[in-house]
Amino acid sequence: MAFQSLFLCILSSLAAVRAVTVYSQQPLGQTETQTSTADAASYTGYQAYNPTTLNPPALPSPLPANQFGIQLQSSAQAVNGLSIPSGGSLFGLSIETSVINQFLGVNS
């Protein structure tokens, strides 16, 4: 409920905005003296079927380590910065936003 009221507050404040400031804009009538062009596009179909092969970057030097040790604590009390302990009656629910329409419905 708090998220919904915060969202509506932000949305209503955006509706009142009537002007936008653009920084580093050229004055009207002036043109840029330097021009640059991009490479011509060679493939214009769907990007999923783009046959362009990308060249991989060079490996870093020196190479990163393949083996390293991780020290784990034996109990949660030994770790600083954890949240407060929750009781056994806590029930958590998490819904991914990409499937929220299927959970709540389209018109909710």
C-alpha atoms as a PDB file:
ATOM      1  CA  MET A   1       0.000   0.000   0.000  1.00  0.00           C
ATOM      2  CA  ALA A   2       2.855   2.371   0.794  1.00  0.00           C
ATOM      3  CA  PHE A   3       4.506   1.590  -2.538  1.00  0.00           C
ATOM      4  CA  GLN A   4       1.283   2.339  -4.400  1.00  0.00           C
ATOM      5  CA  SER A   5       0.821   5.709  -2.696  1.00  0.00           C
ATOM      6  CA  LEU A   6       4.493   6.585  -3.328  1.00  0.00           C
ATOM      7  CA  PHE A   7       4.103   5.636  -6.987  1.00  0.00           C
ATOM      8  CA  LEU A   8       0.951   7.758  -7.342  1.00  0.00           C
ATOM      9  CA  CYS A   9       2.684  10.694  -5.637  1.00  0.00           C
ATOM     10  CA  ILE A  10       5.636  10.519  -8.034  1.00  0.00           C
ATOM     11  CA  LEU A  11       3.321  10.087 -11.004  1.00  0.00           C
ATOM     12  CA  SER A  12       1.233  13.125 -10.049  1.00  0.00           C
ATOM     13  CA  SER A  13       4.348  15.251  -9.578  1.00  0.00           C
ATOM     14  CA  LEU A  14       5.584  14.273 -13.044  1.00  0.00           C
ATOM     15  CA  ALA A  15       2.262  15.320 -14.584  1.00  0.00           C
ATOM     16  CA  ALA A  16       2.842  18.878 -13.323  1.00  0.00           C
ATOM     17  CA  VAL A  17       6.216  19.205 -15.107  1.00  0.00           C
ATOM     18  CA  ARG A  18       5.892  21.507 -18.113  1.00  0.00           C
ATOM     19  CA  ALA A  19       9.537  22.302 -18.969  1.00  0.00           C
ATOM     20  CA  VAL A  20      12.756  20.383 -19.457  1.00  0.00           C
ATOM     21  CA  THR A  21      16.291  21.778 -19.200  1.00  0.00           C
ATOM     22  CA  VAL A  22      18.806  20.436 -21.700  1.00  0.00           C
ATOM     23  CA  TYR A  23      22.460  21.057 -20.865  1.00  0.00           C
ATOM     24  CA  SER A  24      25.292  21.357 -23.419  1.00  0.00           C
ATOM     25  CA  GLN A  25      22.882  22.239 -26.197  1.00  0.00           C
ATOM     26  CA  GLN A  26      24.094  24.226 -29.200  1.00  0.00           C
ATOM     27  CA  PRO A  27      22.443  27.609 -29.736  1.00  0.00           C
ATOM     28  CA  LEU A  28      19.795  27.736 -32.440  1.00  0.00           C
ATOM     29  CA  GLY A  29      21.246  28.175 -35.925  1.00  0.00           C
ATOM     30  CA  GLN A  30      24.784  27.033 -35.098  1.00  0.00           C
ATOM     31  CA  THR A  31      26.086  23.852 -36.631  1.00  0.00           C
ATOM     32  CA  GLU A  32      28.785  21.529 -35.459  1.00  0.00           C
ATOM     33  CA  THR A  33      32.090  21.929 -37.304  1.00  0.00           C
ATOM     34  CA  GLN A  34      33.256  18.364 -36.680  1.00  0.00           C
ATOM     35  CA  THR A  35      31.233  15.580 -38.209  1.00  0.00           C
ATOM     36  CA  SER A  36      31.661  11.878 -37.900  1.00  0.00           C
ATOM     37  CA  THR A  37      29.943   9.026 -39.639  1.00  0.00           C
ATOM     38  CA  ALA A  38      29.190   5.550 -38.459  1.00  0.00           C
ATOM     39  CA  ASP A  39      29.928   2.414 -40.415  1.00  0.00           C
ATOM     40  CA  ALA A  40      27.268   1.521 -42.931  1.00  0.00           C
ATOM     41  CA  ALA A  41      24.838  -1.121 -41.735  1.00  0.00           C
ATOM     42  CA  SER A  42      25.319  -4.355 -43.625  1.00  0.00           C
ATOM     43  CA  TYR A  43      22.542  -6.452 -42.083  1.00  0.00           C
ATOM     44  CA  THR A  44      19.007  -5.100 -41.838  1.00  0.00           C
ATOM     45  CA  GLY A  45      17.038  -8.210 -40.852  1.00  0.00           C
ATOM     46  CA  TYR A  46      16.032  -9.437 -37.414  1.00  0.00           C
ATOM     47  CA  GLN A  47      18.854  -9.147 -34.894  1.00  0.00           C
ATOM     48  CA  ALA A  48      18.255 -12.724 -33.718  1.00  0.00           C
ATOM     49  CA  TYR A  49      19.441 -13.884 -37.138  1.00  0.00           C
ATOM     50  CA  ASN A  50      22.329 -11.429 -37.493  1.00  0.00           C
ATOM     51  CA  PRO A  51      25.291 -13.377 -38.941  1.00  0.00           C
ATOM     52  CA  THR A  52      27.884 -10.856 -37.735  1.00  0.00           C
ATOM     53  CA  THR A  53      30.684 -12.503 -35.760  1.00  0.00           C
ATOM     54  CA  LEU A  54      32.175 -10.464 -32.939  1.00  0.00           C
ATOM     55  CA  ASN A  55      35.852 -10.739 -32.122  1.00  0.00           C
ATOM     56  CA  PRO A  56      36.509 -11.642 -28.484  1.00  0.00           C
ATOM     57  CA  PRO A  57      38.681  -9.279 -26.436  1.00  0.00           C
ATOM     58  CA  ALA A  58      42.210 -10.280 -25.502  1.00  0.00           C
ATOM     59  CA  LEU A  59      42.739 -12.217 -22.282  1.00  0.00           C
ATOM     60  CA  PRO A  60      43.933 -10.154 -19.318  1.00  0.00           C
ATOM     61  CA  SER A  61      47.545 -10.374 -18.305  1.00  0.00           C
ATOM     62  CA  PRO A  62      48.165 -11.851 -15.749  1.00  0.00           C
ATOM     63  CA  LEU A  63      45.270 -14.307 -15.881  1.00  0.00           C
ATOM     64  CA  PRO A  64      42.950 -14.385 -12.846  1.00  0.00           C
ATOM     65  CA  ALA A  65      43.378 -17.206 -10.346  1.00  0.00           C
ATOM     66  CA  ASN A  66      41.439 -20.422 -10.954  1.00  0.00           C
ATOM     67  CA  GLN A  67      41.563 -21.540  -7.317  1.00  0.00           C
ATOM     68  CA  PHE A  68      40.961 -19.499  -4.184  1.00  0.00           C
ATOM     69  CA  GLY A  69      39.810 -20.106  -0.640  1.00  0.00           C
ATOM     70  CA  ILE A  70      36.595 -18.842   0.933  1.00  0.00           C
ATOM     71  CA  GLN A  71      36.276 -18.626   4.707  1.00  0.00           C
ATOM     72  CA  LEU A  72      32.723 -19.406   5.891  1.00  0.00           C
ATOM     73  CA  GLN A  73      31.430 -18.782   9.397  1.00  0.00           C
ATOM     74  CA  SER A  74      29.871 -21.653  11.337  1.00  0.00           C
ATOM     75  CA  SER A  75      26.927 -19.605  12.679  1.00  0.00           C
ATOM     76  CA  ALA A  76      24.943 -16.491  11.756  1.00  0.00           C
ATOM     77  CA  GLN A  77      25.942 -14.773  15.026  1.00  0.00           C
ATOM     78  CA  ALA A  78      29.572 -14.719  13.868  1.00  0.00           C
ATOM     79  CA  VAL A  79      28.704 -12.653  10.765  1.00  0.00           C
ATOM     80  CA  ASN A  80      28.408  -8.875  11.138  1.00  0.00           C
ATOM     81  CA  GLY A  81      25.782  -6.892   9.228  1.00  0.00           C
ATOM     82  CA  LEU A  82      23.050  -9.516   8.961  1.00  0.00           C
ATOM     83  CA  SER A  83      19.435  -8.525   9.434  1.00  0.00           C
ATOM     84  CA  ILE A  84      17.587  -9.109  12.679  1.00  0.00           C
ATOM     85  CA  PRO A  85      16.650 -12.728  13.335  1.00  0.00           C
ATOM     86  CA  SER A  86      13.131 -13.683  12.268  1.00  0.00           C
ATOM     87  CA  GLY A  87      10.885 -16.050  14.109  1.00  0.00           C
ATOM     88  CA  GLY A  88       9.826 -19.443  12.822  1.00  0.00           C
ATOM     89  CA  SER A  89       6.337 -18.123  12.013  1.00  0.00           C
ATOM     90  CA  LEU A  90       7.609 -15.820   9.236  1.00  0.00           C
ATOM     91  CA  PHE A  91       6.127 -16.657   5.844  1.00  0.00           C
ATOM     92  CA  GLY A  92       7.786 -14.991   2.865  1.00  0.00           C
ATOM     93  CA  LEU A  93       6.374 -14.599  -0.616  1.00  0.00           C
ATOM     94  CA  SER A  94       8.255 -13.367  -3.656  1.00  0.00           C
ATOM     95  CA  ILE A  95       6.764 -12.798  -7.110  1.00  0.00           C
ATOM     96  CA  GLU A  96       8.900 -11.982 -10.123  1.00  0.00           C
ATOM     97  CA  THR A  97       7.621  -8.880 -11.884  1.00  0.00           C
ATOM     98  CA  SER A  98       7.580 -10.555 -15.294  1.00  0.00           C
ATOM     99  CA  VAL A  99       4.799 -12.918 -14.139  1.00  0.00           C
ATOM    100  CA  ILE A 100       2.886 -10.551 -11.842  1.00  0.00           C
ATOM    101  CA  ASN A 101       0.098 -10.173 -14.451  1.00  0.00           C
ATOM    102  CA  GLN A 102      -0.558 -13.893 -14.324  1.00  0.00           C
ATOM    103  CA  PHE A 103      -0.648 -13.847 -10.534  1.00  0.00           C
ATOM    104  CA  LEU A 104      -2.748 -10.716  -9.912  1.00  0.00           C
ATOM    105  CA  GLY A 105      -4.592 -10.485 -13.215  1.00  0.00           C
ATOM    106  CA  VAL A 106      -4.440  -8.003 -16.049  1.00  0.00           C
ATOM    107  CA  ASN A 107      -6.841  -5.417 -14.588  1.00  0.00           C
ATOM    108  CA  SER A 108      -5.479  -5.279 -11.039  1.00  0.00           C
END
